[in-house]
Amino acid sequence: MRSVLSVSLPEKIARELEAYARETGRNKSDIVRESISLYLWEVRFRRLKRQLSIGAKKKGMVTEEDIFTEIS
């Protein structure tokens, strides 16, 4: 199932999106869909990293080396 979303963009971003779509031969919807998907992935990743960081600090792990040592 698909949902239609109408988005208002500042003129500069709209021009950049249009130019990028022409350069790559892709349509704007595909580009926006991929961009939102990547953004949401990054948000989830940062949230998970923050949660894991809190747990690691409670265990005394403060550097990547500490974590590597723990899992090795």
PDB file of N, CA and C in Angstrom:
ATOM      1  N   MET A   1       0.837  -1.175   0.000  1.00  0.00           N
ATOM      2  CA  MET A   1       0.000   0.000   0.000  1.00  0.00           C
ATOM      3  C   MET A   1       0.886   1.243   0.000  1.00  0.00           C
ATOM      4  N   ARG A   2       0.499   2.225  -0.727  1.00  0.00           N
ATOM      5  CA  ARG A   2       1.249   3.479  -0.817  1.00  0.00           C
ATOM      6  C   ARG A   2       0.451   4.603  -0.213  1.00  0.00           C
ATOM      7  N   SER A   3       1.183   5.593   0.259  1.00  0.00           N
ATOM      8  CA  SER A   3       0.561   6.791   0.801  1.00  0.00           C
ATOM      9  C   SER A   3       1.139   7.981   0.052  1.00  0.00           C
ATOM     10  N   VAL A   4       0.302   8.907  -0.305  1.00  0.00           N
ATOM     11  CA  VAL A   4       0.746  10.092  -1.033  1.00  0.00           C
ATOM     12  C   VAL A   4       1.018  11.196  -0.030  1.00  0.00           C
ATOM     13  N   LEU A   5       2.169  11.857  -0.211  1.00  0.00           N
ATOM     14  CA  LEU A   5       2.579  12.931   0.681  1.00  0.00           C
ATOM     15  C   LEU A   5       2.924  14.148  -0.159  1.00  0.00           C
ATOM     16  N   SER A   6       2.341  15.259   0.178  1.00  0.00           N
ATOM     17  CA  SER A   6       2.648  16.494  -0.525  1.00  0.00           C
ATOM     18  C   SER A   6       3.642  17.279   0.326  1.00  0.00           C
ATOM     19  N   VAL A   7       4.738  17.703  -0.280  1.00  0.00           N
ATOM     20  CA  VAL A   7       5.793  18.398   0.461  1.00  0.00           C
ATOM     21  C   VAL A   7       6.082  19.726  -0.217  1.00  0.00           C
ATOM     22  N   SER A   8       6.180  20.757   0.588  1.00  0.00           N
ATOM     23  CA  SER A   8       6.541  22.076   0.078  1.00  0.00           C
ATOM     24  C   SER A   8       8.033  22.280   0.333  1.00  0.00           C
ATOM     25  N   LEU A   9       8.777  22.616  -0.717  1.00  0.00           N
ATOM     26  CA  LEU A   9      10.223  22.797  -0.599  1.00  0.00           C
ATOM     27  C   LEU A   9      10.612  24.242  -0.877  1.00  0.00           C
ATOM     28  N   PRO A  10      11.662  24.697  -0.199  1.00  0.00           N
ATOM     29  CA  PRO A  10      12.201  26.007  -0.569  1.00  0.00           C
ATOM     30  C   PRO A  10      12.666  25.956  -2.032  1.00  0.00           C
ATOM     31  N   GLU A  11      12.585  27.062  -2.711  1.00  0.00           N
ATOM     32  CA  GLU A  11      12.905  27.123  -4.144  1.00  0.00           C
ATOM     33  C   GLU A  11      14.284  26.545  -4.452  1.00  0.00           C
ATOM     34  N   LYS A  12      15.280  26.879  -3.645  1.00  0.00           N
ATOM     35  CA  LYS A  12      16.646  26.407  -3.903  1.00  0.00           C
ATOM     36  C   LYS A  12      16.721  24.879  -3.863  1.00  0.00           C
ATOM     37  N   ILE A  13      16.104  24.281  -2.860  1.00  0.00           N
ATOM     38  CA  ILE A  13      16.126  22.818  -2.752  1.00  0.00           C
ATOM     39  C   ILE A  13      15.348  22.197  -3.906  1.00  0.00           C
ATOM     40  N   ALA A  14      14.227  22.805  -4.275  1.00  0.00           N
ATOM     41  CA  ALA A  14      13.432  22.294  -5.403  1.00  0.00           C
ATOM     42  C   ALA A  14      14.257  22.309  -6.690  1.00  0.00           C
ATOM     43  N   ARG A  15      15.011  23.386  -6.923  1.00  0.00           N
ATOM     44  CA  ARG A  15      15.864  23.464  -8.123  1.00  0.00           C
ATOM     45  C   ARG A  15      16.970  22.415  -8.078  1.00  0.00           C
ATOM     46  N   GLU A  16      17.577  22.241  -6.914  1.00  0.00           N
ATOM     47  CA  GLU A  16      18.636  21.231  -6.779  1.00  0.00           C
ATOM     48  C   GLU A  16      18.088  19.831  -7.007  1.00  0.00           C
ATOM     49  N   LEU A  17      16.914  19.559  -6.460  1.00  0.00           N
ATOM     50  CA  LEU A  17      16.286  18.252  -6.652  1.00  0.00           C
ATOM     51  C   LEU A  17      15.987  18.014  -8.124  1.00  0.00           C
ATOM     52  N   GLU A  18      15.432  19.014  -8.783  1.00  0.00           N
ATOM     53  CA  GLU A  18      15.118  18.906 -10.207  1.00  0.00           C
ATOM     54  C   GLU A  18      16.384  18.654 -11.025  1.00  0.00           C
ATOM     55  N   ALA A  19      17.452  19.393 -10.732  1.00  0.00           N
ATOM     56  CA  ALA A  19      18.714  19.225 -11.455  1.00  0.00           C
ATOM     57  C   ALA A  19      19.287  17.828 -11.223  1.00  0.00           C
ATOM     58  N   TYR A  20      19.241  17.370  -9.979  1.00  0.00           N
ATOM     59  CA  TYR A  20      19.776  16.044  -9.670  1.00  0.00           C
ATOM     60  C   TYR A  20      18.966  14.959 -10.372  1.00  0.00           C
ATOM     61  N   ALA A  21      17.660  15.120 -10.407  1.00  0.00           N
ATOM     62  CA  ALA A  21      16.803  14.147 -11.094  1.00  0.00           C
ATOM     63  C   ALA A  21      17.161  14.083 -12.576  1.00  0.00           C
ATOM     64  N   ARG A  22      17.361  15.244 -13.195  1.00  0.00           N
ATOM     65  CA  ARG A  22      17.745  15.265 -14.619  1.00  0.00           C
ATOM     66  C   ARG A  22      19.108  14.602 -14.825  1.00  0.00           C
ATOM     67  N   GLU A  23      20.082  14.950 -13.966  1.00  0.00           N
ATOM     68  CA  GLU A  23      21.443  14.396 -14.093  1.00  0.00           C
ATOM     69  C   GLU A  23      21.455  12.880 -13.994  1.00  0.00           C
ATOM     70  N   THR A  24      20.655  12.344 -13.089  1.00  0.00           N
ATOM     71  CA  THR A  24      20.693  10.905 -12.819  1.00  0.00           C
ATOM     72  C   THR A  24      19.647  10.111 -13.585  1.00  0.00           C
ATOM     73  N   GLY A  25      18.709  10.818 -14.230  1.00  0.00           N
ATOM     74  CA  GLY A  25      17.659  10.120 -14.957  1.00  0.00           C
ATOM     75  C   GLY A  25      16.633   9.466 -14.037  1.00  0.00           C
ATOM     76  N   ARG A  26      16.582   9.909 -12.802  1.00  0.00           N
ATOM     77  CA  ARG A  26      15.622   9.356 -11.842  1.00  0.00           C
ATOM     78  C   ARG A  26      14.500  10.356 -11.646  1.00  0.00           C
ATOM     79  N   ASN A  27      13.375   9.863 -11.145  1.00  0.00           N
ATOM     80  CA  ASN A  27      12.305  10.819 -10.867  1.00  0.00           C
ATOM     81  C   ASN A  27      12.432  11.338  -9.435  1.00  0.00           C
ATOM     82  N   LYS A  28      11.842  12.496  -9.211  1.00  0.00           N
ATOM     83  CA  LYS A  28      11.982  13.168  -7.915  1.00  0.00           C
ATOM     84  C   LYS A  28      11.391  12.336  -6.783  1.00  0.00           C
ATOM     85  N   SER A  29      10.313  11.643  -7.042  1.00  0.00           N
ATOM     86  CA  SER A  29       9.696  10.816  -5.995  1.00  0.00           C
ATOM     87  C   SER A  29      10.657   9.742  -5.497  1.00  0.00           C
ATOM     88  N   ASP A  30      11.352   9.086  -6.435  1.00  0.00           N
ATOM     89  CA  ASP A  30      12.317   8.054  -6.030  1.00  0.00           C
ATOM     90  C   ASP A  30      13.433   8.642  -5.177  1.00  0.00           C
ATOM     91  N   ILE A  31      13.913   9.807  -5.568  1.00  0.00           N
ATOM     92  CA  ILE A  31      15.005  10.455  -4.835  1.00  0.00           C
ATOM     93  C   ILE A  31      14.544  10.833  -3.431  1.00  0.00           C
ATOM     94  N   VAL A  32      13.369  11.425  -3.322  1.00  0.00           N
ATOM     95  CA  VAL A  32      12.840  11.818  -2.008  1.00  0.00           C
ATOM     96  C   VAL A  32      12.566  10.589  -1.155  1.00  0.00           C
ATOM     97  N   ARG A  33      12.003   9.544  -1.747  1.00  0.00           N
ATOM     98  CA  ARG A  33      11.721   8.301  -1.018  1.00  0.00           C
ATOM     99  C   ARG A  33      13.014   7.713  -0.449  1.00  0.00           C
ATOM    100  N   GLU A  34      14.051   7.650  -1.279  1.00  0.00           N
ATOM    101  CA  GLU A  34      15.336   7.118  -0.824  1.00  0.00           C
ATOM    102  C   GLU A  34      15.940   8.010   0.262  1.00  0.00           C
ATOM    103  N   SER A  35      15.833   9.309   0.091  1.00  0.00           N
ATOM    104  CA  SER A  35      16.382  10.246   1.072  1.00  0.00           C
ATOM    105  C   SER A  35      15.710  10.093   2.434  1.00  0.00           C
ATOM    106  N   ILE A  36      14.390   9.970   2.432  1.00  0.00           N
ATOM    107  CA  ILE A  36      13.666   9.794   3.695  1.00  0.00           C
ATOM    108  C   ILE A  36      14.030   8.469   4.339  1.00  0.00           C
ATOM    109  N   SER A  37      14.133   7.429   3.533  1.00  0.00           N
ATOM    110  CA  SER A  37      14.508   6.115   4.051  1.00  0.00           C
ATOM    111  C   SER A  37      15.891   6.165   4.708  1.00  0.00           C
ATOM    112  N   LEU A  38      16.862   6.801   4.050  1.00  0.00           N
ATOM    113  CA  LEU A  38      18.199   6.923   4.622  1.00  0.00           C
ATOM    114  C   LEU A  38      18.195   7.766   5.894  1.00  0.00           C
ATOM    115  N   TYR A  39      17.432   8.844   5.888  1.00  0.00           N
ATOM    116  CA  TYR A  39      17.330   9.696   7.070  1.00  0.00           C
ATOM    117  C   TYR A  39      16.775   8.906   8.260  1.00  0.00           C
ATOM    118  N   LEU A  40      15.693   8.164   8.030  1.00  0.00           N
ATOM    119  CA  LEU A  40      15.094   7.391   9.116  1.00  0.00           C
ATOM    120  C   LEU A  40      16.038   6.301   9.609  1.00  0.00           C
ATOM    121  N   TRP A  41      16.807   5.686   8.705  1.00  0.00           N
ATOM    122  CA  TRP A  41      17.797   4.691   9.117  1.00  0.00           C
ATOM    123  C   TRP A  41      18.840   5.340  10.027  1.00  0.00           C
ATOM    124  N   GLU A  42      19.314   6.520   9.649  1.00  0.00           N
ATOM    125  CA  GLU A  42      20.310   7.219  10.462  1.00  0.00           C
ATOM    126  C   GLU A  42      19.760   7.599  11.829  1.00  0.00           C
ATOM    127  N   VAL A  43      18.510   8.018  11.885  1.00  0.00           N
ATOM    128  CA  VAL A  43      17.883   8.353  13.165  1.00  0.00           C
ATOM    129  C   VAL A  43      17.840   7.123  14.067  1.00  0.00           C
ATOM    130  N   ARG A  44      17.413   5.993  13.505  1.00  0.00           N
ATOM    131  CA  ARG A  44      17.361   4.749  14.296  1.00  0.00           C
ATOM    132  C   ARG A  44      18.760   4.338  14.746  1.00  0.00           C
ATOM    133  N   PHE A  45      19.750   4.484  13.859  1.00  0.00           N
ATOM    134  CA  PHE A  45      21.123   4.113  14.188  1.00  0.00           C
ATOM    135  C   PHE A  45      21.656   4.976  15.338  1.00  0.00           C
ATOM    136  N   ARG A  46      21.443   6.299  15.251  1.00  0.00           N
ATOM    137  CA  ARG A  46      21.921   7.197  16.311  1.00  0.00           C
ATOM    138  C   ARG A  46      21.253   6.888  17.642  1.00  0.00           C
ATOM    139  N   ARG A  47      19.946   6.595  17.600  1.00  0.00           N
ATOM    140  CA  ARG A  47      19.217   6.253  18.826  1.00  0.00           C
ATOM    141  C   ARG A  47      19.787   4.980  19.445  1.00  0.00           C
ATOM    142  N   LEU A  48      20.001   3.960  18.636  1.00  0.00           N
ATOM    143  CA  LEU A  48      20.556   2.707  19.131  1.00  0.00           C
ATOM    144  C   LEU A  48      21.969   2.906  19.669  1.00  0.00           C
ATOM    145  N   LYS A  49      22.768   3.677  18.954  1.00  0.00           N
ATOM    146  CA  LYS A  49      24.139   3.952  19.396  1.00  0.00           C
ATOM    147  C   LYS A  49      24.133   4.647  20.759  1.00  0.00           C
ATOM    148  N   ARG A  50      23.218   5.612  20.923  1.00  0.00           N
ATOM    149  CA  ARG A  50      23.104   6.335  22.189  1.00  0.00           C
ATOM    150  C   ARG A  50      22.716   5.373  23.314  1.00  0.00           C
ATOM    151  N   GLN A  51      21.747   4.494  23.059  1.00  0.00           N
ATOM    152  CA  GLN A  51      21.312   3.530  24.071  1.00  0.00           C
ATOM    153  C   GLN A  51      22.434   2.571  24.443  1.00  0.00           C
ATOM    154  N   LEU A  52      23.144   2.077  23.443  1.00  0.00           N
ATOM    155  CA  LEU A  52      24.246   1.151  23.715  1.00  0.00           C
ATOM    156  C   LEU A  52      25.396   1.851  24.429  1.00  0.00           C
ATOM    157  N   SER A  53      25.606   3.102  24.109  1.00  0.00           N
ATOM    158  CA  SER A  53      26.672   3.876  24.745  1.00  0.00           C
ATOM    159  C   SER A  53      26.417   4.029  26.241  1.00  0.00           C
ATOM    160  N   ILE A  54      25.167   4.269  26.601  1.00  0.00           N
ATOM    161  CA  ILE A  54      24.810   4.398  28.018  1.00  0.00           C
ATOM    162  C   ILE A  54      25.120   3.104  28.753  1.00  0.00           C
ATOM    163  N   GLY A  55      24.729   1.967  28.162  1.00  0.00           N
ATOM    164  CA  GLY A  55      25.010   0.668  28.773  1.00  0.00           C
ATOM    165  C   GLY A  55      26.497   0.374  28.866  1.00  0.00           C
ATOM    166  N   ALA A  56      27.229   0.739  27.833  1.00  0.00           N
ATOM    167  CA  ALA A  56      28.672   0.494  27.825  1.00  0.00           C
ATOM    168  C   ALA A  56      29.361   1.325  28.898  1.00  0.00           C
ATOM    169  N   LYS A  57      28.968   2.572  29.048  1.00  0.00           N
ATOM    170  CA  LYS A  57      29.581   3.427  30.065  1.00  0.00           C
ATOM    171  C   LYS A  57      29.305   2.900  31.465  1.00  0.00           C
ATOM    172  N   LYS A  58      28.123   2.339  31.683  1.00  0.00           N
ATOM    173  CA  LYS A  58      27.797   1.751  32.989  1.00  0.00           C
ATOM    174  C   LYS A  58      28.724   0.581  33.305  1.00  0.00           C
ATOM    175  N   LYS A  59      29.197  -0.096  32.250  1.00  0.00           N
ATOM    176  CA  LYS A  59      30.110  -1.225  32.437  1.00  0.00           C
ATOM    177  C   LYS A  59      31.569  -0.786  32.425  1.00  0.00           C
ATOM    178  N   GLY A  60      31.804   0.520  32.330  1.00  0.00           N
ATOM    179  CA  GLY A  60      33.175   1.027  32.351  1.00  0.00           C
ATOM    180  C   GLY A  60      33.841   1.068  30.990  1.00  0.00           C
ATOM    181  N   MET A  61      33.083   0.848  29.943  1.00  0.00           N
ATOM    182  CA  MET A  61      33.642   0.892  28.601  1.00  0.00           C
ATOM    183  C   MET A  61      33.424   2.297  28.041  1.00  0.00           C
ATOM    184  N   VAL A  62      34.516   3.006  27.802  1.00  0.00           N
ATOM    185  CA  VAL A  62      34.381   4.384  27.337  1.00  0.00           C
ATOM    186  C   VAL A  62      35.025   4.623  25.975  1.00  0.00           C
ATOM    187  N   THR A  63      35.855   3.707  25.516  1.00  0.00           N
ATOM    188  CA  THR A  63      36.487   3.865  24.213  1.00  0.00           C
ATOM    189  C   THR A  63      36.106   2.691  23.315  1.00  0.00           C
ATOM    190  N   GLU A  64      36.323   2.851  22.030  1.00  0.00           N
ATOM    191  CA  GLU A  64      36.073   1.747  21.088  1.00  0.00           C
ATOM    192  C   GLU A  64      36.996   0.573  21.406  1.00  0.00           C
ATOM    193  N   GLU A  65      38.202   0.868  21.875  1.00  0.00           N
ATOM    194  CA  GLU A  65      39.139  -0.199  22.251  1.00  0.00           C
ATOM    195  C   GLU A  65      38.592  -1.009  23.402  1.00  0.00           C
ATOM    196  N   ASP A  66      37.959  -0.352  24.394  1.00  0.00           N
ATOM    197  CA  ASP A  66      37.341  -1.063  25.514  1.00  0.00           C
ATOM    198  C   ASP A  66      36.278  -2.038  24.997  1.00  0.00           C
ATOM    199  N   ILE A  67      35.475  -1.571  24.074  1.00  0.00           N
ATOM    200  CA  ILE A  67      34.408  -2.398  23.518  1.00  0.00           C
ATOM    201  C   ILE A  67      34.990  -3.568  22.737  1.00  0.00           C
ATOM    202  N   PHE A  68      36.023  -3.296  21.919  1.00  0.00           N
ATOM    203  CA  PHE A  68      36.663  -4.358  21.144  1.00  0.00           C
ATOM    204  C   PHE A  68      37.231  -5.423  22.082  1.00  0.00           C
ATOM    205  N   THR A  69      37.884  -4.977  23.146  1.00  0.00           N
ATOM    206  CA  THR A  69      38.459  -5.912  24.126  1.00  0.00           C
ATOM    207  C   THR A  69      37.362  -6.761  24.753  1.00  0.00           C
ATOM    208  N   GLU A  70      36.249  -6.148  25.071  1.00  0.00           N
ATOM    209  CA  GLU A  70      35.127  -6.851  25.702  1.00  0.00           C
ATOM    210  C   GLU A  70      34.532  -7.930  24.796  1.00  0.00           C
ATOM    211  N   ILE A  71      34.412  -7.643  23.510  1.00  0.00           N
ATOM    212  CA  ILE A  71      33.763  -8.613  22.617  1.00  0.00           C
ATOM    213  C   ILE A  71      34.737  -9.601  21.986  1.00  0.00           C
ATOM    214  N   SER A  72      36.008  -9.380  22.147  1.00  0.00           N
ATOM    215  CA  SER A  72      37.010 -10.290  21.555  1.00  0.00           C
ATOM    216  C   SER A  72      37.241 -11.512  22.387  1.00  0.00           C
TER     217      SER A  72
END
